[in-house]
Amino acid sequence: MTRQVLQILLVFGLFLLLARCAQQVPLSGGKKDETPPKIIESIPARNSTDFKAESITLKFDEFVQVKDLSNQLIVTPRLKTAPDISADGKKILVKFKKEELVPNTTYRIYFGKAIADMSESNSIPDFEYVFSTGSYLDTLEMKGEVTDAFNNKPVPDVLIALYFREKANDSLPYKTEPDYITRSAGNGTFLLKNLPYKTFSVYAFTDKNKNSLYDGEAERIAFLGPELNLLSDSAIRLKLFQEESSKSFIKKTTTPYYGFAQVILNKKARTALLPLKPTHAADISETFPGKEKDTVSFYYRNVNDTLNLVLHNLNNDKRDTLRLTVPKNNPGKRRLKKYTLNTIGNKLPLNDKLRFTFLNWMDTSRSDLSKIQFSSKEDSAIGKVPVKGRWLSITSFEIANQLKEGVNYTLKIDTSAFFDLKQIPNDSGSVNFMTQTKMEFGKLTLKVLFSKKQNYIIQLINQRDEVEKENHMSFSLSSSNSATIEFTDISPGIYFAKVIFDDNKNKKWDSGNILLKQQPEKVIINSKQLKILSDWEIEEEILIKE
């Protein structure tokens, strides 16, 4: 190889080497910054006394920002004018009207998570600045927990409100903004710091619209019965409840299809539904008349265009006149709306008769039960027995035939077994179901020792807080404080014993009332799990303390 060729190869190799070195390679990123800013100086210093400044400067070790101040910032005691807070490089500036500061008062500016760095938005948790316009700092604390009065579960994001005693009046939470506030955490707990040696009225409410006022039945509320005379650090419990509306009114009406309508009330009431003209009484049929309910459902017939009614609220003897525009009764749609059976899943509940529920006003004078037939491999005799039954109402038909426990059945319904008022027949169909047996259920014998003789409601609730069984207890002066309660035919699962102190003996839980200073009825849910098994009986003892 000639010297000239070697020189060319050498130059070419050097060129390749330089080309590789010139390639851009992305720099590897370092560990993500997760450290919040650190405070390095406060002017005036935190926890200052004899405070006379008009502004506060907070200096940090990096560039900072403020975010979500409307939800994070809490200033106590409250100022008439909210402070002006802004970020400036590595500083947070707080400006307020000096003339609004009350002498000899400790102020706490709680930023929550509002202060964060600029690069990664790492927030300083629970940052606060405290100062006093007097010669000392108030140091008392009040902690506590907010729970739902009905199920004892913690309630987050509830406004805790303290008012100076001298402001106390019947409309206090409705019209007066509190002096000290905080909000309950995710577990329902709260903490108020730097409180003075004073007496307070204490409330808590959900404050949905963030106006720091209680807006009546639209929000839930709790209150501390006696005033709180704060002489030392204190711990309290607040039971949140929804006040029952003092007014009863109709919220709306619905007419989903011809022949059926509903009147929806703002709260439960016993009602009587009547046509405006008494001669039309036979054309209106209310479901569950006389029972307390918040939705009045009814069927109607022989009505064109407009339905004129009177709803009589039996609780307050109030009458409302209703004018409902009804849907068109389209004669072209000649089909009966689909009926339902009282099976759950594919099972007929224990001790229940099989029932049809129709969505139309039915012709109860015309039924052809020969077009209904049972069949079963396990109960061959059922197919040989004619089907019998009766109308329970204009929409409900009950089969009277005796069915065996734990047996699979097929029910076949031919067309024209039932007819509505327009003589439209049912469609044919069939359904498979199984009857339940006693062996599928368990039994619980509950021995309860009460600390007080009064009326109680004892409920067995599942893990979804649904009531499975309920019993009522009352004690005479001469009786013992213990009682034995038997709950039978319980579906297998995990349950808890819930005890309601039925103070007014009306056999239901009653909420509280702010103006009457009435607390909701007490509820105790025993923490012990009650495991119910099929075909099994258990006994448990619980103690109910006041």
Protein backbone atom coordinates (compact mmCIF):
# COMPACT_ATOMS: atom_id res chain seq x y z
CA MET A 1 0.00 0.00 0.00
CA THR A 2 1.43 3.28 -1.00
CA ARG A 3 2.18 6.08 1.36
CA GLN A 4 -0.44 8.27 -0.36
CA VAL A 5 -3.20 5.68 0.21
CA LEU A 6 -2.25 5.39 3.88
CA GLN A 7 -2.54 9.12 4.28
CA ILE A 8 -6.00 9.12 2.69
CA LEU A 9 -7.19 6.31 5.00
CA LEU A 10 -5.82 8.10 8.04
CA VAL A 11 -7.62 11.32 7.13
CA PHE A 12 -10.86 9.42 6.49
CA GLY A 13 -10.66 7.62 9.86
CA LEU A 14 -9.98 10.90 11.65
CA PHE A 15 -13.02 12.41 9.93
CA LEU A 16 -15.25 9.55 11.15
CA LEU A 17 -13.95 9.90 14.70
CA LEU A 18 -14.67 13.63 14.73
CA ALA A 19 -18.15 13.04 13.30
CA ARG A 20 -19.01 10.63 16.12
CA CYS A 21 -17.75 13.02 18.72
CA ALA A 22 -19.90 15.76 17.23
CA GLN A 23 -23.18 13.79 17.69
CA GLN A 24 -25.55 15.34 20.22
CA VAL A 25 -26.45 13.07 23.12
CA PRO A 26 -29.26 14.15 25.46
CA LEU A 27 -28.14 14.88 28.99
CA SER A 28 -29.40 12.40 31.54
CA GLY A 29 -31.94 13.99 33.89
CA GLY A 30 -31.25 14.16 37.57
CA LYS A 31 -33.56 13.10 40.36
CA LYS A 32 -36.86 14.98 40.36
CA ASP A 33 -37.00 17.81 42.88
CA GLU A 34 -39.58 16.87 45.53
CA THR A 35 -38.36 19.19 48.27
CA PRO A 36 -40.67 22.11 49.15
CA PRO A 37 -39.24 25.61 49.67
CA LYS A 38 -37.62 26.41 53.02
CA ILE A 39 -38.34 29.59 54.93
CA ILE A 40 -35.11 31.48 55.67
CA GLU A 41 -36.44 34.73 57.12
CA SER A 42 -39.69 36.43 58.19
CA ILE A 43 -40.06 40.19 58.56
CA PRO A 44 -41.39 40.73 61.20
CA ALA A 45 -40.31 37.44 62.75
CA ARG A 46 -42.85 34.71 63.24
CA ASN A 47 -44.52 34.62 66.70
CA SER A 48 -43.82 38.35 67.15
CA THR A 49 -45.60 40.29 69.90
CA ASP A 50 -46.57 43.97 69.99
CA PHE A 51 -47.05 43.66 66.23
CA LYS A 52 -47.51 47.05 64.51
CA ALA A 53 -46.53 46.37 60.89
CA GLU A 54 -48.79 46.76 57.86
CA SER A 55 -47.18 43.96 55.87
CA ILE A 56 -45.27 40.72 56.25
CA THR A 57 -42.39 39.50 54.08
CA LEU A 58 -41.60 35.79 53.95
CA LYS A 59 -38.25 34.90 52.32
CA PHE A 60 -37.53 31.41 50.95
CA ASP A 61 -34.54 29.57 49.54
CA GLU A 62 -36.00 29.37 46.01
CA PHE A 63 -38.53 31.00 43.72
CA VAL A 64 -42.06 30.53 45.06
CA GLN A 65 -45.68 30.92 44.01
CA VAL A 66 -49.06 31.01 45.77
CA LYS A 67 -51.91 28.81 44.52
CA ASP A 68 -55.49 27.94 45.51
CA LEU A 69 -55.58 30.65 48.18
CA SER A 70 -59.38 30.76 48.20
CA ASN A 71 -59.50 27.19 49.51
CA GLN A 72 -56.25 27.04 51.48
CA LEU A 73 -55.96 30.37 53.32
CA ILE A 74 -57.50 30.72 56.78
CA VAL A 75 -56.99 33.86 58.89
CA THR A 76 -58.14 33.77 62.52
CA PRO A 77 -59.62 35.76 64.07
CA ARG A 78 -61.36 36.83 60.88
CA LEU A 79 -60.46 40.20 59.35
CA LYS A 80 -63.07 42.40 57.70
CA THR A 81 -60.84 42.68 54.65
CA ALA A 82 -58.93 39.65 53.41
CA PRO A 83 -55.16 40.25 53.28
CA ASP A 84 -53.51 40.84 49.91
CA ILE A 85 -51.04 37.99 49.30
CA SER A 86 -48.66 37.82 46.33
CA ALA A 87 -45.43 36.13 45.26
CA ASP A 88 -42.34 38.14 44.24
CA GLY A 89 -39.38 35.99 43.25
CA LYS A 90 -38.25 34.21 46.41
CA LYS A 91 -40.59 36.22 48.62
CA ILE A 92 -44.23 36.09 49.68
CA LEU A 93 -45.74 39.48 50.53
CA VAL A 94 -48.74 39.78 52.88
CA LYS A 95 -50.46 43.15 53.16
CA PHE A 96 -53.47 44.04 55.29
CA LYS A 97 -55.25 47.02 56.74
CA LYS A 98 -53.50 47.80 59.99
CA GLU A 99 -56.55 49.59 61.39
CA GLU A 100 -58.55 46.34 61.27
CA LEU A 101 -56.20 44.55 63.66
CA VAL A 102 -57.72 44.29 67.16
CA PRO A 103 -55.44 45.21 70.11
CA ASN A 104 -54.16 42.44 72.41
CA THR A 105 -55.14 39.72 69.94
CA THR A 106 -53.21 36.75 68.56
CA TYR A 107 -53.61 36.29 64.80
CA ARG A 108 -52.86 33.12 62.86
CA ILE A 109 -52.43 33.12 59.09
CA TYR A 110 -52.72 29.52 57.95
CA PHE A 111 -51.56 29.02 54.35
CA GLY A 112 -52.30 25.29 54.16
CA LYS A 113 -50.58 24.10 50.96
CA ALA A 114 -50.80 27.44 49.13
CA ILE A 115 -47.04 28.20 49.07
CA ALA A 116 -45.11 26.12 46.52
CA ASP A 117 -41.90 26.27 44.51
CA MET A 118 -42.00 27.47 40.89
CA SER A 119 -40.25 24.50 39.28
CA GLU A 120 -42.17 21.44 40.48
CA SER A 121 -45.04 23.02 42.51
CA ASN A 122 -43.88 21.30 45.70
CA SER A 123 -46.05 22.74 48.47
CA ILE A 124 -45.09 23.50 52.05
CA PRO A 125 -47.62 21.55 54.14
CA ASP A 126 -49.53 23.37 56.90
CA PHE A 127 -47.45 26.54 56.70
CA GLU A 128 -48.56 29.26 59.13
CA TYR A 129 -47.52 32.66 60.42
CA VAL A 130 -48.54 33.76 63.94
CA PHE A 131 -48.25 37.16 65.57
CA SER A 132 -49.84 39.13 68.41
CA THR A 133 -50.84 42.77 68.67
CA GLY A 134 -50.45 42.40 72.44
CA SER A 135 -47.60 41.49 74.76
CA TYR A 136 -48.13 37.72 74.61
CA LEU A 137 -49.31 34.94 72.28
CA ASP A 138 -52.53 33.01 72.91
CA THR A 139 -51.65 29.32 72.95
CA LEU A 140 -54.85 27.37 73.68
CA GLU A 141 -55.90 24.62 71.28
CA MET A 142 -59.22 23.00 70.51
CA LYS A 143 -59.27 19.71 68.62
CA GLY A 144 -62.10 17.43 67.74
CA GLU A 145 -63.93 15.29 65.23
CA VAL A 146 -66.99 15.78 63.04
CA THR A 147 -69.10 12.68 62.38
CA ASP A 148 -72.43 12.05 60.68
CA ALA A 149 -75.13 11.91 63.36
CA PHE A 150 -76.94 8.99 61.69
CA ASN A 151 -74.08 6.63 60.84
CA ASN A 152 -71.18 7.95 63.00
CA LYS A 153 -68.86 8.14 59.97
CA PRO A 154 -66.28 10.96 59.84
CA VAL A 155 -67.17 13.89 57.58
CA PRO A 156 -64.38 15.79 55.76
CA ASP A 157 -64.27 19.41 54.58
CA VAL A 158 -66.72 20.76 57.15
CA LEU A 159 -66.35 24.36 58.35
CA ILE A 160 -65.74 24.52 62.11
CA ALA A 161 -66.94 27.91 63.38
CA LEU A 162 -66.28 29.62 66.72
CA TYR A 163 -68.14 32.79 67.74
CA PHE A 164 -67.38 35.04 70.70
CA ARG A 165 -70.06 34.67 73.37
CA GLU A 166 -71.04 38.34 73.20
CA LYS A 167 -72.30 37.73 69.62
CA ALA A 168 -74.60 34.86 70.63
CA ASN A 169 -78.19 34.99 69.35
CA ASP A 170 -80.71 32.64 67.76
CA SER A 171 -79.68 33.51 64.20
CA LEU A 172 -75.92 33.39 64.88
CA PRO A 173 -74.74 30.91 62.19
CA TYR A 174 -77.28 32.23 59.67
CA LYS A 175 -76.26 35.90 59.69
CA THR A 176 -72.88 36.23 61.42
CA GLU A 177 -69.50 35.21 60.07
CA PRO A 178 -67.46 33.26 62.66
CA ASP A 179 -64.46 34.70 64.48
CA TYR A 180 -62.34 31.54 64.26
CA ILE A 181 -62.62 28.89 61.55
CA THR A 182 -60.94 25.76 60.30
CA ARG A 183 -61.97 22.77 58.20
CA SER A 184 -62.16 19.10 59.04
CA ALA A 185 -59.58 16.82 57.43
CA GLY A 186 -60.27 13.69 55.41
CA ASN A 187 -60.76 11.67 58.61
CA GLY A 188 -63.14 14.23 60.10
CA THR A 189 -60.65 15.62 62.62
CA PHE A 190 -59.83 19.29 63.10
CA LEU A 191 -57.52 21.54 65.12
CA LEU A 192 -57.82 25.21 66.06
CA LYS A 193 -54.69 26.82 67.49
CA ASN A 194 -53.71 30.08 69.21
CA LEU A 195 -57.09 30.55 70.86
CA PRO A 196 -57.66 32.98 73.75
CA TYR A 197 -59.08 32.29 77.22
CA LYS A 198 -62.67 33.09 76.23
CA THR A 199 -66.13 31.56 75.93
CA PHE A 200 -67.36 30.53 72.49
CA SER A 201 -70.44 29.27 70.71
CA VAL A 202 -69.34 26.36 68.52
CA TYR A 203 -70.95 25.26 65.25
CA ALA A 204 -69.94 23.22 62.21
CA PHE A 205 -71.63 23.22 58.80
CA THR A 206 -70.87 22.04 55.28
CA ASP A 207 -70.80 25.58 53.80
CA LYS A 208 -71.33 24.47 50.21
CA ASN A 209 -71.20 27.99 48.76
CA LYS A 210 -68.15 29.08 50.82
CA ASN A 211 -69.91 32.13 52.32
CA SER A 212 -69.08 31.20 55.95
CA LEU A 213 -72.81 31.28 56.77
CA TYR A 214 -75.26 28.46 57.43
CA ASP A 215 -77.83 28.38 54.64
CA GLY A 216 -80.52 26.31 56.33
CA GLU A 217 -81.74 22.92 55.14
CA ALA A 218 -79.52 23.13 52.03
CA GLU A 219 -76.51 22.36 54.26
CA ARG A 220 -75.76 20.05 57.16
CA ILE A 221 -74.92 21.44 60.58
CA ALA A 222 -73.74 20.51 64.07
CA PHE A 223 -73.49 22.48 67.29
CA LEU A 224 -72.00 22.11 70.74
CA GLY A 225 -74.83 22.08 73.28
CA PRO A 226 -73.38 24.25 76.05
CA GLU A 227 -71.08 27.14 75.25
CA LEU A 228 -67.39 26.29 75.35
CA ASN A 229 -65.59 28.07 78.19
CA LEU A 230 -62.01 27.70 77.00
CA LEU A 231 -59.76 27.55 80.07
CA SER A 232 -57.37 24.88 78.78
CA ASP A 233 -56.76 22.77 75.68
CA SER A 234 -60.04 21.05 74.82
CA ALA A 235 -61.36 18.16 72.75
CA ILE A 236 -64.94 18.03 71.43
CA ARG A 237 -67.14 15.87 69.18
CA LEU A 238 -69.66 17.35 66.78
CA LYS A 239 -72.58 15.40 65.24
CA LEU A 240 -73.53 16.66 61.78
CA PHE A 241 -77.19 16.47 60.76
CA GLN A 242 -79.59 17.73 58.13
CA GLU A 243 -82.40 19.80 59.57
CA GLU A 244 -85.86 18.78 58.48
CA SER A 245 -87.42 21.54 56.46
CA SER A 246 -89.96 23.57 58.41
CA LYS A 247 -91.94 24.04 55.20
CA SER A 248 -93.57 21.33 53.17
CA PHE A 249 -93.98 21.92 49.46
CA ILE A 250 -94.19 20.23 46.07
CA LYS A 251 -90.82 20.13 44.31
CA LYS A 252 -92.03 18.89 40.94
CA THR A 253 -94.50 16.65 39.11
CA THR A 254 -93.79 14.06 36.42
CA THR A 255 -95.98 12.22 33.92
CA PRO A 256 -93.61 9.70 32.27
CA TYR A 257 -96.36 8.02 30.24
CA TYR A 258 -100.10 8.14 29.87
CA GLY A 259 -101.91 6.64 32.84
CA PHE A 260 -99.18 7.23 35.45
CA ALA A 261 -97.89 10.33 37.28
CA GLN A 262 -95.87 11.33 40.34
CA VAL A 263 -95.82 14.28 42.71
CA ILE A 264 -92.42 14.76 44.38
CA LEU A 265 -92.35 16.50 47.79
CA ASN A 266 -89.45 18.18 49.56
CA LYS A 267 -89.89 15.87 52.58
CA LYS A 268 -91.91 12.84 53.64
CA ALA A 269 -95.56 13.34 54.52
CA ARG A 270 -98.85 11.48 54.81
CA THR A 271 -101.01 12.56 51.92
CA ALA A 272 -104.39 12.08 50.33
CA LEU A 273 -104.73 12.64 46.58
CA LEU A 274 -108.13 13.69 45.28
CA PRO A 275 -109.49 14.89 41.94
CA LEU A 276 -110.63 18.51 41.86
CA LYS A 277 -114.10 17.26 40.95
CA PRO A 278 -115.33 14.62 43.45
CA THR A 279 -117.24 12.85 40.69
CA HIS A 280 -113.86 11.79 39.19
CA ALA A 281 -112.68 10.03 42.37
CA ALA A 282 -112.96 6.58 40.75
CA ASP A 283 -110.51 7.66 38.05
CA ILE A 284 -107.58 8.24 40.43
CA SER A 285 -105.72 5.48 42.30
CA GLU A 286 -102.83 6.39 44.64
CA THR A 287 -100.22 3.77 45.52
CA PHE A 288 -99.72 3.23 49.25
CA PRO A 289 -102.31 5.83 50.33
CA GLY A 290 -101.94 7.20 53.85
CA LYS A 291 -98.32 6.07 54.22
CA GLU A 292 -95.57 8.61 54.87
CA LYS A 293 -93.57 9.17 51.68
CA ASP A 294 -91.82 11.89 49.68
CA THR A 295 -93.08 10.71 46.27
CA VAL A 296 -96.81 10.36 45.65
CA SER A 297 -97.31 7.91 42.77
CA PHE A 298 -100.71 7.37 41.22
CA TYR A 299 -102.56 6.00 38.20
CA TYR A 300 -105.34 7.76 36.32
CA ARG A 301 -107.87 6.97 33.62
CA ASN A 302 -110.51 8.71 31.49
CA VAL A 303 -108.41 11.89 31.30
CA ASN A 304 -107.75 14.00 28.21
CA ASP A 305 -105.11 16.76 28.08
CA THR A 306 -105.28 18.03 31.68
CA LEU A 307 -105.49 16.39 35.10
CA ASN A 308 -106.79 18.61 37.93
CA LEU A 309 -106.02 17.38 41.44
CA VAL A 310 -105.90 18.36 45.09
CA LEU A 311 -103.04 17.05 47.23
CA HIS A 312 -103.96 17.09 50.91
CA ASN A 313 -100.93 17.00 53.24
CA LEU A 314 -102.31 15.27 56.31
CA ASN A 315 -99.29 16.28 58.44
CA ASN A 316 -100.05 20.01 58.30
CA ASP A 317 -103.58 19.97 56.83
CA LYS A 318 -102.36 21.92 53.80
CA ARG A 319 -103.99 21.54 50.39
CA ASP A 320 -102.33 22.20 47.03
CA THR A 321 -104.16 22.36 43.72
CA LEU A 322 -102.31 20.71 40.82
CA ARG A 323 -102.83 21.01 37.10
CA LEU A 324 -100.94 18.35 35.15
CA THR A 325 -100.71 18.14 31.38
CA VAL A 326 -100.89 14.45 30.53
CA PRO A 327 -99.12 12.77 27.59
CA LYS A 328 -101.14 11.81 24.56
CA ASN A 329 -102.82 8.43 24.76
CA ASN A 330 -101.51 7.15 21.43
CA PRO A 331 -103.94 4.48 20.17
CA GLY A 332 -101.36 3.31 17.61
CA LYS A 333 -99.12 1.82 20.29
CA ARG A 334 -101.21 -1.18 21.16
CA ARG A 335 -98.85 -2.92 23.55
CA LEU A 336 -99.06 -3.45 27.28
CA LYS A 337 -96.05 -2.15 29.17
CA LYS A 338 -93.83 -4.91 30.54
CA TYR A 339 -94.69 -6.23 33.99
CA THR A 340 -92.24 -7.24 36.74
CA LEU A 341 -92.18 -10.09 39.24
CA ASN A 342 -91.12 -9.87 42.89
CA THR A 343 -88.15 -12.17 42.36
CA ILE A 344 -84.70 -10.90 43.35
CA GLY A 345 -82.23 -12.07 40.75
CA ASN A 346 -83.74 -15.44 39.98
CA LYS A 347 -84.99 -16.16 43.51
CA LEU A 348 -88.39 -15.74 45.11
CA PRO A 349 -87.90 -14.44 48.69
CA LEU A 350 -88.72 -16.83 51.50
CA ASN A 351 -92.40 -16.84 52.55
CA ASP A 352 -93.37 -14.54 49.65
CA LYS A 353 -96.17 -15.26 47.22
CA LEU A 354 -95.32 -14.71 43.55
CA ARG A 355 -96.66 -11.30 42.42
CA PHE A 356 -97.03 -9.53 39.08
CA THR A 357 -96.64 -5.74 39.09
CA PHE A 358 -97.97 -3.95 36.02
CA LEU A 359 -97.19 -0.43 34.82
CA ASN A 360 -100.73 0.15 33.56
CA TRP A 361 -104.11 0.45 35.21
CA MET A 362 -105.34 -3.11 34.68
CA ASP A 363 -108.80 -4.48 34.06
CA THR A 364 -109.14 -6.41 37.32
CA SER A 365 -112.46 -7.91 36.18
CA ARG A 366 -110.87 -9.78 33.30
CA SER A 367 -108.10 -12.36 33.81
CA ASP A 368 -107.64 -15.71 32.11
CA LEU A 369 -105.53 -17.75 34.54
CA SER A 370 -105.73 -20.82 32.33
CA LYS A 371 -103.05 -19.10 30.25
CA ILE A 372 -100.59 -19.18 33.17
CA GLN A 373 -98.83 -22.44 33.98
CA PHE A 374 -96.09 -23.65 36.34
CA SER A 375 -93.69 -26.49 35.58
CA SER A 376 -90.87 -28.06 37.58
CA LYS A 377 -88.78 -31.24 37.45
CA GLU A 378 -88.56 -31.23 41.25
CA ASP A 379 -92.28 -30.53 41.84
CA SER A 380 -94.12 -32.43 39.12
CA ALA A 381 -97.50 -31.89 40.79
CA ILE A 382 -97.40 -28.12 40.32
CA GLY A 383 -98.22 -28.38 36.61
CA LYS A 384 -101.40 -30.34 37.32
CA VAL A 385 -102.88 -27.70 39.61
CA PRO A 386 -104.78 -24.78 38.04
CA VAL A 387 -103.31 -21.39 38.79
CA LYS A 388 -105.28 -19.29 41.24
CA GLY A 389 -104.77 -15.75 42.44
CA ARG A 390 -106.21 -12.37 43.32
CA TRP A 391 -105.79 -8.70 42.52
CA LEU A 392 -104.17 -6.81 45.39
CA SER A 393 -104.59 -3.49 43.59
CA ILE A 394 -105.16 -2.16 40.08
CA THR A 395 -101.53 -2.96 39.23
CA SER A 396 -100.63 -5.95 41.42
CA PHE A 397 -101.75 -9.58 41.01
CA GLU A 398 -100.75 -12.30 43.51
CA ILE A 399 -100.50 -16.03 42.70
CA ALA A 400 -102.07 -18.14 45.44
CA ASN A 401 -100.55 -21.53 44.51
CA GLN A 402 -98.33 -23.04 47.20
CA LEU A 403 -94.72 -23.39 46.07
CA LYS A 404 -92.15 -25.62 47.75
CA GLU A 405 -88.94 -24.30 49.28
CA GLY A 406 -85.67 -24.68 47.38
CA VAL A 407 -87.28 -25.75 44.10
CA ASN A 408 -86.63 -24.52 40.55
CA TYR A 409 -89.78 -23.42 38.72
CA THR A 410 -90.64 -22.22 35.25
CA LEU A 411 -93.60 -19.85 34.91
CA LYS A 412 -95.11 -19.58 31.44
CA ILE A 413 -97.53 -16.77 30.63
CA ASP A 414 -99.43 -16.89 27.34
CA THR A 415 -100.75 -13.78 25.67
CA SER A 416 -104.14 -12.48 26.83
CA ALA A 417 -103.81 -13.69 30.41
CA PHE A 418 -104.23 -10.07 31.58
CA PHE A 419 -105.70 -6.91 30.02
CA ASP A 420 -105.45 -3.23 30.77
CA LEU A 421 -108.37 -0.80 30.67
CA LYS A 422 -107.97 -0.40 26.90
CA GLN A 423 -108.22 -4.20 26.61
CA ILE A 424 -104.64 -4.45 25.45
CA PRO A 425 -103.36 -7.92 26.42
CA ASN A 426 -100.00 -8.92 27.85
CA ASP A 427 -97.28 -10.41 25.66
CA SER A 428 -96.37 -14.04 26.11
CA GLY A 429 -93.22 -14.96 28.00
CA SER A 430 -91.64 -17.24 30.57
CA VAL A 431 -89.41 -16.86 33.59
CA ASN A 432 -87.24 -19.29 35.53
CA PHE A 433 -86.83 -18.82 39.27
CA MET A 434 -86.03 -20.69 42.45
CA THR A 435 -87.80 -20.45 45.79
CA GLN A 436 -85.60 -19.76 48.79
CA THR A 437 -85.34 -22.16 51.70
CA LYS A 438 -84.93 -21.51 55.42
CA MET A 439 -81.57 -23.28 55.33
CA GLU A 440 -80.18 -20.40 53.23
CA PHE A 441 -80.57 -18.01 56.17
CA GLY A 442 -79.10 -17.58 59.61
CA LYS A 443 -80.41 -16.53 63.00
CA LEU A 444 -79.03 -14.04 65.51
CA THR A 445 -79.92 -13.86 69.18
CA LEU A 446 -78.75 -10.52 70.52
CA LYS A 447 -78.51 -9.97 74.27
CA VAL A 448 -78.31 -6.26 74.95
CA LEU A 449 -77.60 -4.53 78.27
CA PHE A 450 -78.73 -0.89 78.29
CA SER A 451 -77.46 1.72 80.73
CA LYS A 452 -80.71 3.66 80.59
CA LYS A 453 -84.38 2.68 80.56
CA GLN A 454 -86.07 4.33 77.59
CA ASN A 455 -87.27 3.50 74.08
CA TYR A 456 -84.80 2.18 71.51
CA ILE A 457 -84.71 1.12 67.89
CA ILE A 458 -82.37 -1.82 67.31
CA GLN A 459 -81.30 -2.40 63.73
CA LEU A 460 -79.16 -4.99 62.04
CA ILE A 461 -77.26 -3.18 59.26
CA ASN A 462 -75.01 -4.58 56.56
CA GLN A 463 -71.66 -3.20 55.39
CA ARG A 464 -73.45 -0.77 53.05
CA ASP A 465 -75.37 0.73 56.02
CA GLU A 466 -78.61 -0.82 54.74
CA VAL A 467 -81.12 -2.03 57.33
CA GLU A 468 -81.62 -5.80 57.13
CA LYS A 469 -83.79 -6.19 60.25
CA GLU A 470 -85.32 -3.85 62.82
CA ASN A 471 -86.87 -4.17 66.26
CA HIS A 472 -88.23 -1.74 68.85
CA MET A 473 -87.65 -1.85 72.59
CA SER A 474 -89.24 -0.08 75.56
CA PHE A 475 -88.62 -0.52 79.27
CA SER A 476 -90.91 -0.04 82.23
CA LEU A 477 -89.59 1.27 85.53
CA SER A 478 -89.85 -2.20 87.07
CA SER A 479 -88.14 -4.09 84.23
CA SER A 480 -84.46 -4.95 84.06
CA ASN A 481 -82.06 -3.08 81.78
CA SER A 482 -81.37 -6.11 79.60
CA ALA A 483 -83.25 -7.46 76.61
CA THR A 484 -82.99 -10.46 74.28
CA ILE A 485 -83.78 -9.82 70.62
CA GLU A 486 -84.11 -12.53 67.98
CA PHE A 487 -83.48 -11.75 64.33
CA THR A 488 -84.48 -14.63 62.03
CA ASP A 489 -84.17 -15.33 58.30
CA ILE A 490 -81.04 -13.23 57.86
CA SER A 491 -79.14 -13.46 54.59
CA PRO A 492 -75.52 -14.61 55.09
CA GLY A 493 -73.04 -11.75 55.45
CA ILE A 494 -71.34 -9.33 57.81
CA TYR A 495 -73.60 -7.16 59.96
CA PHE A 496 -73.43 -4.65 62.81
CA ALA A 497 -75.86 -3.83 65.61
CA LYS A 498 -77.13 -0.25 65.42
CA VAL A 499 -79.00 1.27 68.36
CA ILE A 500 -81.04 4.48 68.06
CA PHE A 501 -82.12 6.27 71.23
CA ASP A 502 -85.81 6.81 70.41
CA ASP A 503 -86.28 9.77 72.77
CA ASN A 504 -89.72 10.82 71.47
CA LYS A 505 -90.99 7.22 71.08
CA ASN A 506 -92.04 7.62 67.44
CA LYS A 507 -90.12 4.54 66.25
CA LYS A 508 -87.87 6.45 63.83
CA TRP A 509 -84.63 8.45 64.02
CA ASP A 510 -85.18 12.19 64.37
CA SER A 511 -82.76 14.86 63.22
CA GLY A 512 -81.82 17.98 65.18
CA ASN A 513 -83.05 21.57 65.17
CA ILE A 514 -80.81 24.61 65.52
CA LEU A 515 -83.38 27.18 66.67
CA LEU A 516 -84.77 24.80 69.28
CA LYS A 517 -81.23 23.80 70.30
CA GLN A 518 -82.28 20.19 69.80
CA GLN A 519 -79.59 17.62 69.09
CA PRO A 520 -80.33 14.67 66.77
CA GLU A 521 -81.26 11.43 68.49
CA LYS A 522 -78.20 9.51 69.58
CA VAL A 523 -76.96 6.60 67.49
CA ILE A 524 -74.54 3.88 68.60
CA ILE A 525 -73.14 1.34 66.14
CA ASN A 526 -71.43 -1.55 67.89
CA SER A 527 -68.01 -2.14 66.35
CA LYS A 528 -68.16 -5.94 66.63
CA GLN A 529 -68.75 -7.73 63.34
CA LEU A 530 -71.66 -10.17 63.37
CA LYS A 531 -70.97 -12.88 60.81
CA ILE A 532 -74.17 -14.64 59.75
CA LEU A 533 -73.88 -18.04 58.06
CA SER A 534 -76.46 -20.16 56.26
CA ASP A 535 -78.41 -22.55 58.49
CA TRP A 536 -76.52 -21.31 61.56
CA GLU A 537 -77.53 -19.58 64.77
CA ILE A 538 -75.24 -17.29 66.76
CA GLU A 539 -75.59 -15.48 70.08
CA GLU A 540 -73.90 -12.19 70.94
CA GLU A 541 -73.89 -9.87 73.92
CA ILE A 542 -73.40 -6.12 73.63
CA LEU A 543 -73.35 -3.29 76.16
CA ILE A 544 -74.93 0.05 75.28
CA LYS A 545 -73.56 2.95 77.29
CA GLU A 546 -75.09 6.42 77.45
